[in-house]
């Protein structure tokens, strides 16, 4: 069964069986040489699992002349983007903040994957942003405007933690009964990065207009709980920058 949720550009299928697995494939012609392909995702899955983070288990990873593929086990749970009863929605927001806090508490000094700005900004400058799919506040911008804003607003310091790299509602699985974290998926961009790169994308995902079960007030509640749990003063400028940076990928 094909899986259509997500915007990574990869093709994903769910194959029910014993065990149930997911198969993700990409065509080499559509891949960027930025160290975040399927083989790199398999390495990240293995490392995150060794660090105590719940992620799918790698069954197989490989490539031929045309395709790369990654086969992983299925996790039991529902994505945070799935419909939740009204009575659970507030708790879902709190759990999401706690999940991000737990990920960011993994010792960053042990992380072998570098996703700092020195790596990501050059990748962004080589990428082609989809000008038809920009956030509302940048709708109608040209590529030159995006690049200029990226360069002129880039932070001068980074508060490094282990980041997911594409942290949004569809990439977090929750137990439907207890709301405990059932795992993180699509971790191909995980690595050491500023914590704002994760919380910016998750807050945007929570407050996005297409996700009508949550709203901007829920996004602020997520940020408030994260700030309280981390003791970190969240920078609105960094939140804006990392959302801008994400436009390039």
Protein backbone atom coordinates (compact mmCIF):
# COMPACT_ATOMS: atom_id res chain seq x y z
CA UNK A 1 0.00 0.00 0.00
CA UNK A 2 1.52 3.37 -0.99
CA UNK A 3 1.96 6.00 1.71
CA UNK A 4 1.12 9.51 0.50
CA UNK A 5 1.65 11.46 3.74
CA UNK A 6 4.85 13.48 3.61
CA UNK A 7 6.74 15.72 1.22
CA UNK A 8 10.23 14.22 1.06
CA UNK A 9 9.99 13.26 -2.62
CA UNK A 10 10.67 9.60 -1.84
CA UNK A 11 8.20 6.86 -2.66
CA UNK A 12 7.02 4.90 0.36
CA UNK A 13 5.04 1.67 0.57
CA UNK A 14 3.67 -0.22 3.56
CA UNK A 15 3.90 -4.00 3.14
CA UNK A 16 1.71 -5.81 5.66
CA UNK A 17 3.10 -9.10 6.88
CA UNK A 18 5.18 -10.65 9.64
CA UNK A 19 6.74 -8.26 10.24
CA UNK A 20 5.04 -5.33 8.56
CA UNK A 21 7.66 -3.16 6.87
CA UNK A 22 7.94 0.13 5.06
CA UNK A 23 9.89 0.41 1.82
CA UNK A 24 11.24 3.82 0.81
CA UNK A 25 12.82 4.35 -2.61
CA UNK A 26 14.42 7.28 -4.40
CA UNK A 27 15.69 7.68 -7.94
CA UNK A 28 19.34 8.71 -8.08
CA UNK A 29 18.49 11.47 -10.55
CA UNK A 30 16.30 13.14 -7.92
CA UNK A 31 18.78 12.88 -5.05
CA UNK A 32 21.02 15.65 -3.78
CA UNK A 33 24.61 14.85 -2.94
CA UNK A 34 24.28 16.29 0.58
CA UNK A 35 24.86 13.22 2.73
CA UNK A 36 21.19 12.78 3.54
CA UNK A 37 20.20 9.94 1.20
CA UNK A 38 18.71 6.62 2.21
CA UNK A 39 22.04 5.07 3.17
CA UNK A 40 22.67 8.07 5.43
CA UNK A 41 19.18 7.69 6.88
CA UNK A 42 19.93 4.05 7.70
CA UNK A 43 23.08 5.16 9.54
CA UNK A 44 21.09 7.71 11.50
CA UNK A 45 18.43 5.15 12.41
CA UNK A 46 21.08 2.80 13.77
CA UNK A 47 22.80 5.55 15.76
CA UNK A 48 19.59 6.97 17.21
CA UNK A 49 18.50 3.49 18.29
CA UNK A 50 21.86 3.00 20.02
CA UNK A 51 21.29 6.32 21.80
CA UNK A 52 17.96 5.14 23.18
CA UNK A 53 15.65 6.93 20.72
CA UNK A 54 12.71 4.87 19.47
CA UNK A 55 12.97 4.64 15.69
CA UNK A 56 12.21 1.96 13.07
CA UNK A 57 14.70 -0.89 12.73
CA UNK A 58 16.61 -1.11 9.47
CA UNK A 59 15.85 -4.37 7.63
CA UNK A 60 17.74 -3.65 4.41
CA UNK A 61 19.38 -0.77 2.62
CA UNK A 62 20.81 -0.84 -0.89
CA UNK A 63 21.05 0.69 -4.33
CA UNK A 64 21.42 -0.19 -8.00
CA UNK A 65 22.10 1.94 -11.08
CA UNK A 66 18.71 3.67 -10.89
CA UNK A 67 17.23 3.43 -7.39
CA UNK A 68 18.20 3.46 -3.74
CA UNK A 69 15.98 1.72 -1.21
CA UNK A 70 15.51 1.46 2.53
CA UNK A 71 13.38 -1.17 4.25
CA UNK A 72 12.41 -0.61 7.89
CA UNK A 73 10.11 -2.22 10.41
CA UNK A 74 6.77 -0.58 11.20
CA UNK A 75 6.23 1.08 14.56
CA UNK A 76 2.96 0.73 16.45
CA UNK A 77 1.32 4.09 16.78
CA UNK A 78 -0.48 6.93 15.03
CA UNK A 79 1.14 10.04 13.67
CA UNK A 80 0.60 13.25 15.58
CA UNK A 81 -0.98 14.59 12.37
CA UNK A 82 -3.79 12.04 12.53
CA UNK A 83 -7.17 13.19 13.90
CA UNK A 84 -7.25 13.25 17.72
CA UNK A 85 -10.34 13.54 19.94
CA UNK A 86 -10.89 17.03 21.29
CA UNK A 87 -10.29 15.72 24.79
CA UNK A 88 -6.78 14.55 23.89
CA UNK A 89 -5.49 17.47 21.84
CA UNK A 90 -4.09 19.51 24.69
CA UNK A 91 -2.25 16.45 25.99
CA UNK A 92 -0.88 15.72 22.51
CA UNK A 93 0.73 19.17 22.43
CA UNK A 94 2.34 18.63 25.83
CA UNK A 95 3.60 15.18 24.83
CA UNK A 96 5.12 16.57 21.63
CA UNK A 97 7.09 19.13 23.63
CA UNK A 98 8.28 16.40 26.00
CA UNK A 99 9.36 14.18 23.09
CA UNK A 100 11.44 16.99 21.62
CA UNK A 101 12.96 17.72 25.03
CA UNK A 102 13.95 14.05 25.36
CA UNK A 103 15.55 13.99 21.91
CA UNK A 104 17.47 17.17 22.62
CA UNK A 105 18.73 15.67 25.88
CA UNK A 106 20.69 12.98 23.99
CA UNK A 107 24.40 13.85 24.43
CA UNK A 108 25.26 15.89 21.35
CA UNK A 109 28.98 15.26 21.76
CA UNK A 110 28.37 11.64 20.79
CA UNK A 111 26.50 12.53 17.58
CA UNK A 112 28.51 11.76 14.41
CA UNK A 113 26.21 13.72 12.07
CA UNK A 114 26.92 17.40 11.45
CA UNK A 115 23.91 19.56 10.56
CA UNK A 116 25.29 22.90 11.69
CA UNK A 117 24.83 26.02 9.60
CA UNK A 118 28.30 25.62 8.12
CA UNK A 119 26.92 22.48 6.46
CA UNK A 120 23.29 23.39 5.86
CA UNK A 121 23.60 26.90 4.45
CA UNK A 122 25.92 25.85 1.58
CA UNK A 123 23.46 23.03 0.85
CA UNK A 124 20.63 25.56 0.77
CA UNK A 125 22.49 27.87 -1.58
CA UNK A 126 22.97 24.97 -4.02
CA UNK A 127 19.34 23.85 -3.75
CA UNK A 128 16.35 25.03 -5.76
CA UNK A 129 13.58 26.28 -3.51
CA UNK A 130 10.04 25.53 -4.68
CA UNK A 131 8.74 29.06 -5.17
CA UNK A 132 5.19 27.73 -5.55
CA UNK A 133 5.26 26.17 -2.07
CA UNK A 134 6.59 28.93 0.17
CA UNK A 135 5.20 29.75 3.59
CA UNK A 136 2.45 32.35 3.54
CA UNK A 137 4.68 35.18 4.77
CA UNK A 138 7.08 34.60 1.84
CA UNK A 139 4.53 33.91 -0.89
CA UNK A 140 5.60 35.55 -4.12
CA UNK A 141 9.26 35.85 -3.15
CA UNK A 142 11.93 35.28 -5.77
CA UNK A 143 14.90 32.95 -5.35
CA UNK A 144 17.14 35.99 -4.99
CA UNK A 145 15.00 37.34 -2.14
CA UNK A 146 15.17 34.02 -0.33
CA UNK A 147 18.95 33.86 -0.66
CA UNK A 148 19.39 37.46 0.47
CA UNK A 149 17.21 36.91 3.54
CA UNK A 150 19.03 33.68 4.36
CA UNK A 151 22.45 35.28 4.23
CA UNK A 152 21.54 38.49 6.07
CA UNK A 153 19.59 36.86 8.92
CA UNK A 154 21.84 33.87 9.59
CA UNK A 155 22.46 33.52 13.36
CA UNK A 156 25.98 34.10 14.64
CA UNK A 157 25.76 31.37 17.29
CA UNK A 158 24.26 27.88 17.58
CA UNK A 159 22.89 26.06 20.62
CA UNK A 160 23.74 22.54 19.49
CA UNK A 161 21.64 19.51 20.38
CA UNK A 162 20.73 16.26 18.62
CA UNK A 163 17.99 17.34 16.20
CA UNK A 164 15.54 15.36 14.09
CA UNK A 165 16.03 17.70 11.14
CA UNK A 166 12.49 17.48 9.72
CA UNK A 167 10.42 17.60 12.87
CA UNK A 168 6.74 17.88 12.00
CA UNK A 169 3.51 16.22 13.08
CA UNK A 170 3.60 13.34 10.53
CA UNK A 171 7.08 12.30 11.70
CA UNK A 172 6.13 11.66 15.33
CA UNK A 173 4.19 8.53 16.28
CA UNK A 174 2.12 8.32 19.46
CA UNK A 175 0.44 5.46 21.27
CA UNK A 176 -3.29 6.13 20.71
CA UNK A 177 -4.19 5.01 24.25
CA UNK A 178 -1.41 6.43 26.43
CA UNK A 179 -0.07 9.13 24.07
CA UNK A 180 3.44 7.88 24.88
CA UNK A 181 6.01 8.32 22.13
CA UNK A 182 5.85 5.34 19.77
CA UNK A 183 8.80 6.56 17.73
CA UNK A 184 10.27 9.06 15.30
CA UNK A 185 10.39 8.48 11.54
CA UNK A 186 11.98 10.13 8.49
CA UNK A 187 15.21 10.92 10.30
CA UNK A 188 17.40 11.33 7.21
CA UNK A 189 18.41 14.86 8.23
CA UNK A 190 19.08 14.13 11.90
CA UNK A 191 22.27 15.45 13.43
CA UNK A 192 23.89 18.08 15.60
CA UNK A 193 22.14 21.41 15.00
CA UNK A 194 20.68 24.38 16.81
CA UNK A 195 17.64 23.32 18.84
CA UNK A 196 15.60 26.04 17.11
CA UNK A 197 15.78 24.10 13.85
CA UNK A 198 13.50 21.46 15.38
CA UNK A 199 11.19 23.59 17.48
CA UNK A 200 10.66 26.07 14.63
CA UNK A 201 9.40 23.35 12.28
CA UNK A 202 7.26 21.61 14.88
CA UNK A 203 5.61 24.85 16.01
CA UNK A 204 4.90 25.70 12.36
CA UNK A 205 3.45 22.25 11.76
CA UNK A 206 1.18 22.53 14.79
CA UNK A 207 -0.08 25.98 13.85
CA UNK A 208 -0.44 25.35 10.13
CA UNK A 209 -3.85 26.23 8.69
CA UNK A 210 -4.27 22.83 6.97
CA UNK A 211 -4.13 21.13 10.37
CA UNK A 212 -7.52 22.26 11.68
CA UNK A 213 -7.40 20.31 14.94
CA UNK A 214 -4.64 22.61 16.23
CA UNK A 215 -4.05 26.35 15.88
CA UNK A 216 -1.42 29.03 16.56
CA UNK A 217 -2.36 29.03 20.25
CA UNK A 218 -1.45 25.32 20.37
CA UNK A 219 1.87 26.11 18.71
CA UNK A 220 2.57 28.71 21.39
CA UNK A 221 1.65 26.19 24.09
CA UNK A 222 4.18 23.79 22.58
CA UNK A 223 6.88 26.48 22.64
CA UNK A 224 6.02 27.48 26.21
CA UNK A 225 6.24 23.91 27.48
CA UNK A 226 9.51 23.33 25.65
CA UNK A 227 10.97 26.53 27.08
CA UNK A 228 9.89 25.61 30.59
CA UNK A 229 11.33 22.12 30.30
CA UNK A 230 14.63 23.18 28.77
CA UNK A 231 15.20 26.42 30.64
CA UNK A 232 16.05 28.00 27.28
CA UNK A 233 14.88 31.44 26.19
CA UNK A 234 13.45 30.81 22.74
CA UNK A 235 14.59 33.25 20.06
CA UNK A 236 11.85 34.44 17.71
CA UNK A 237 14.57 35.50 15.26
CA UNK A 238 16.00 31.98 15.17
CA UNK A 239 12.55 30.47 14.76
CA UNK A 240 12.00 32.66 11.72
CA UNK A 241 15.44 31.91 10.28
CA UNK A 242 15.09 28.14 10.51
CA UNK A 243 11.68 28.27 8.87
CA UNK A 244 13.28 30.31 6.10
CA UNK A 245 16.11 27.79 5.80
CA UNK A 246 13.57 24.99 5.43
CA UNK A 247 12.14 26.69 2.32
CA UNK A 248 15.23 25.51 0.41
CA UNK A 249 14.65 21.79 1.08
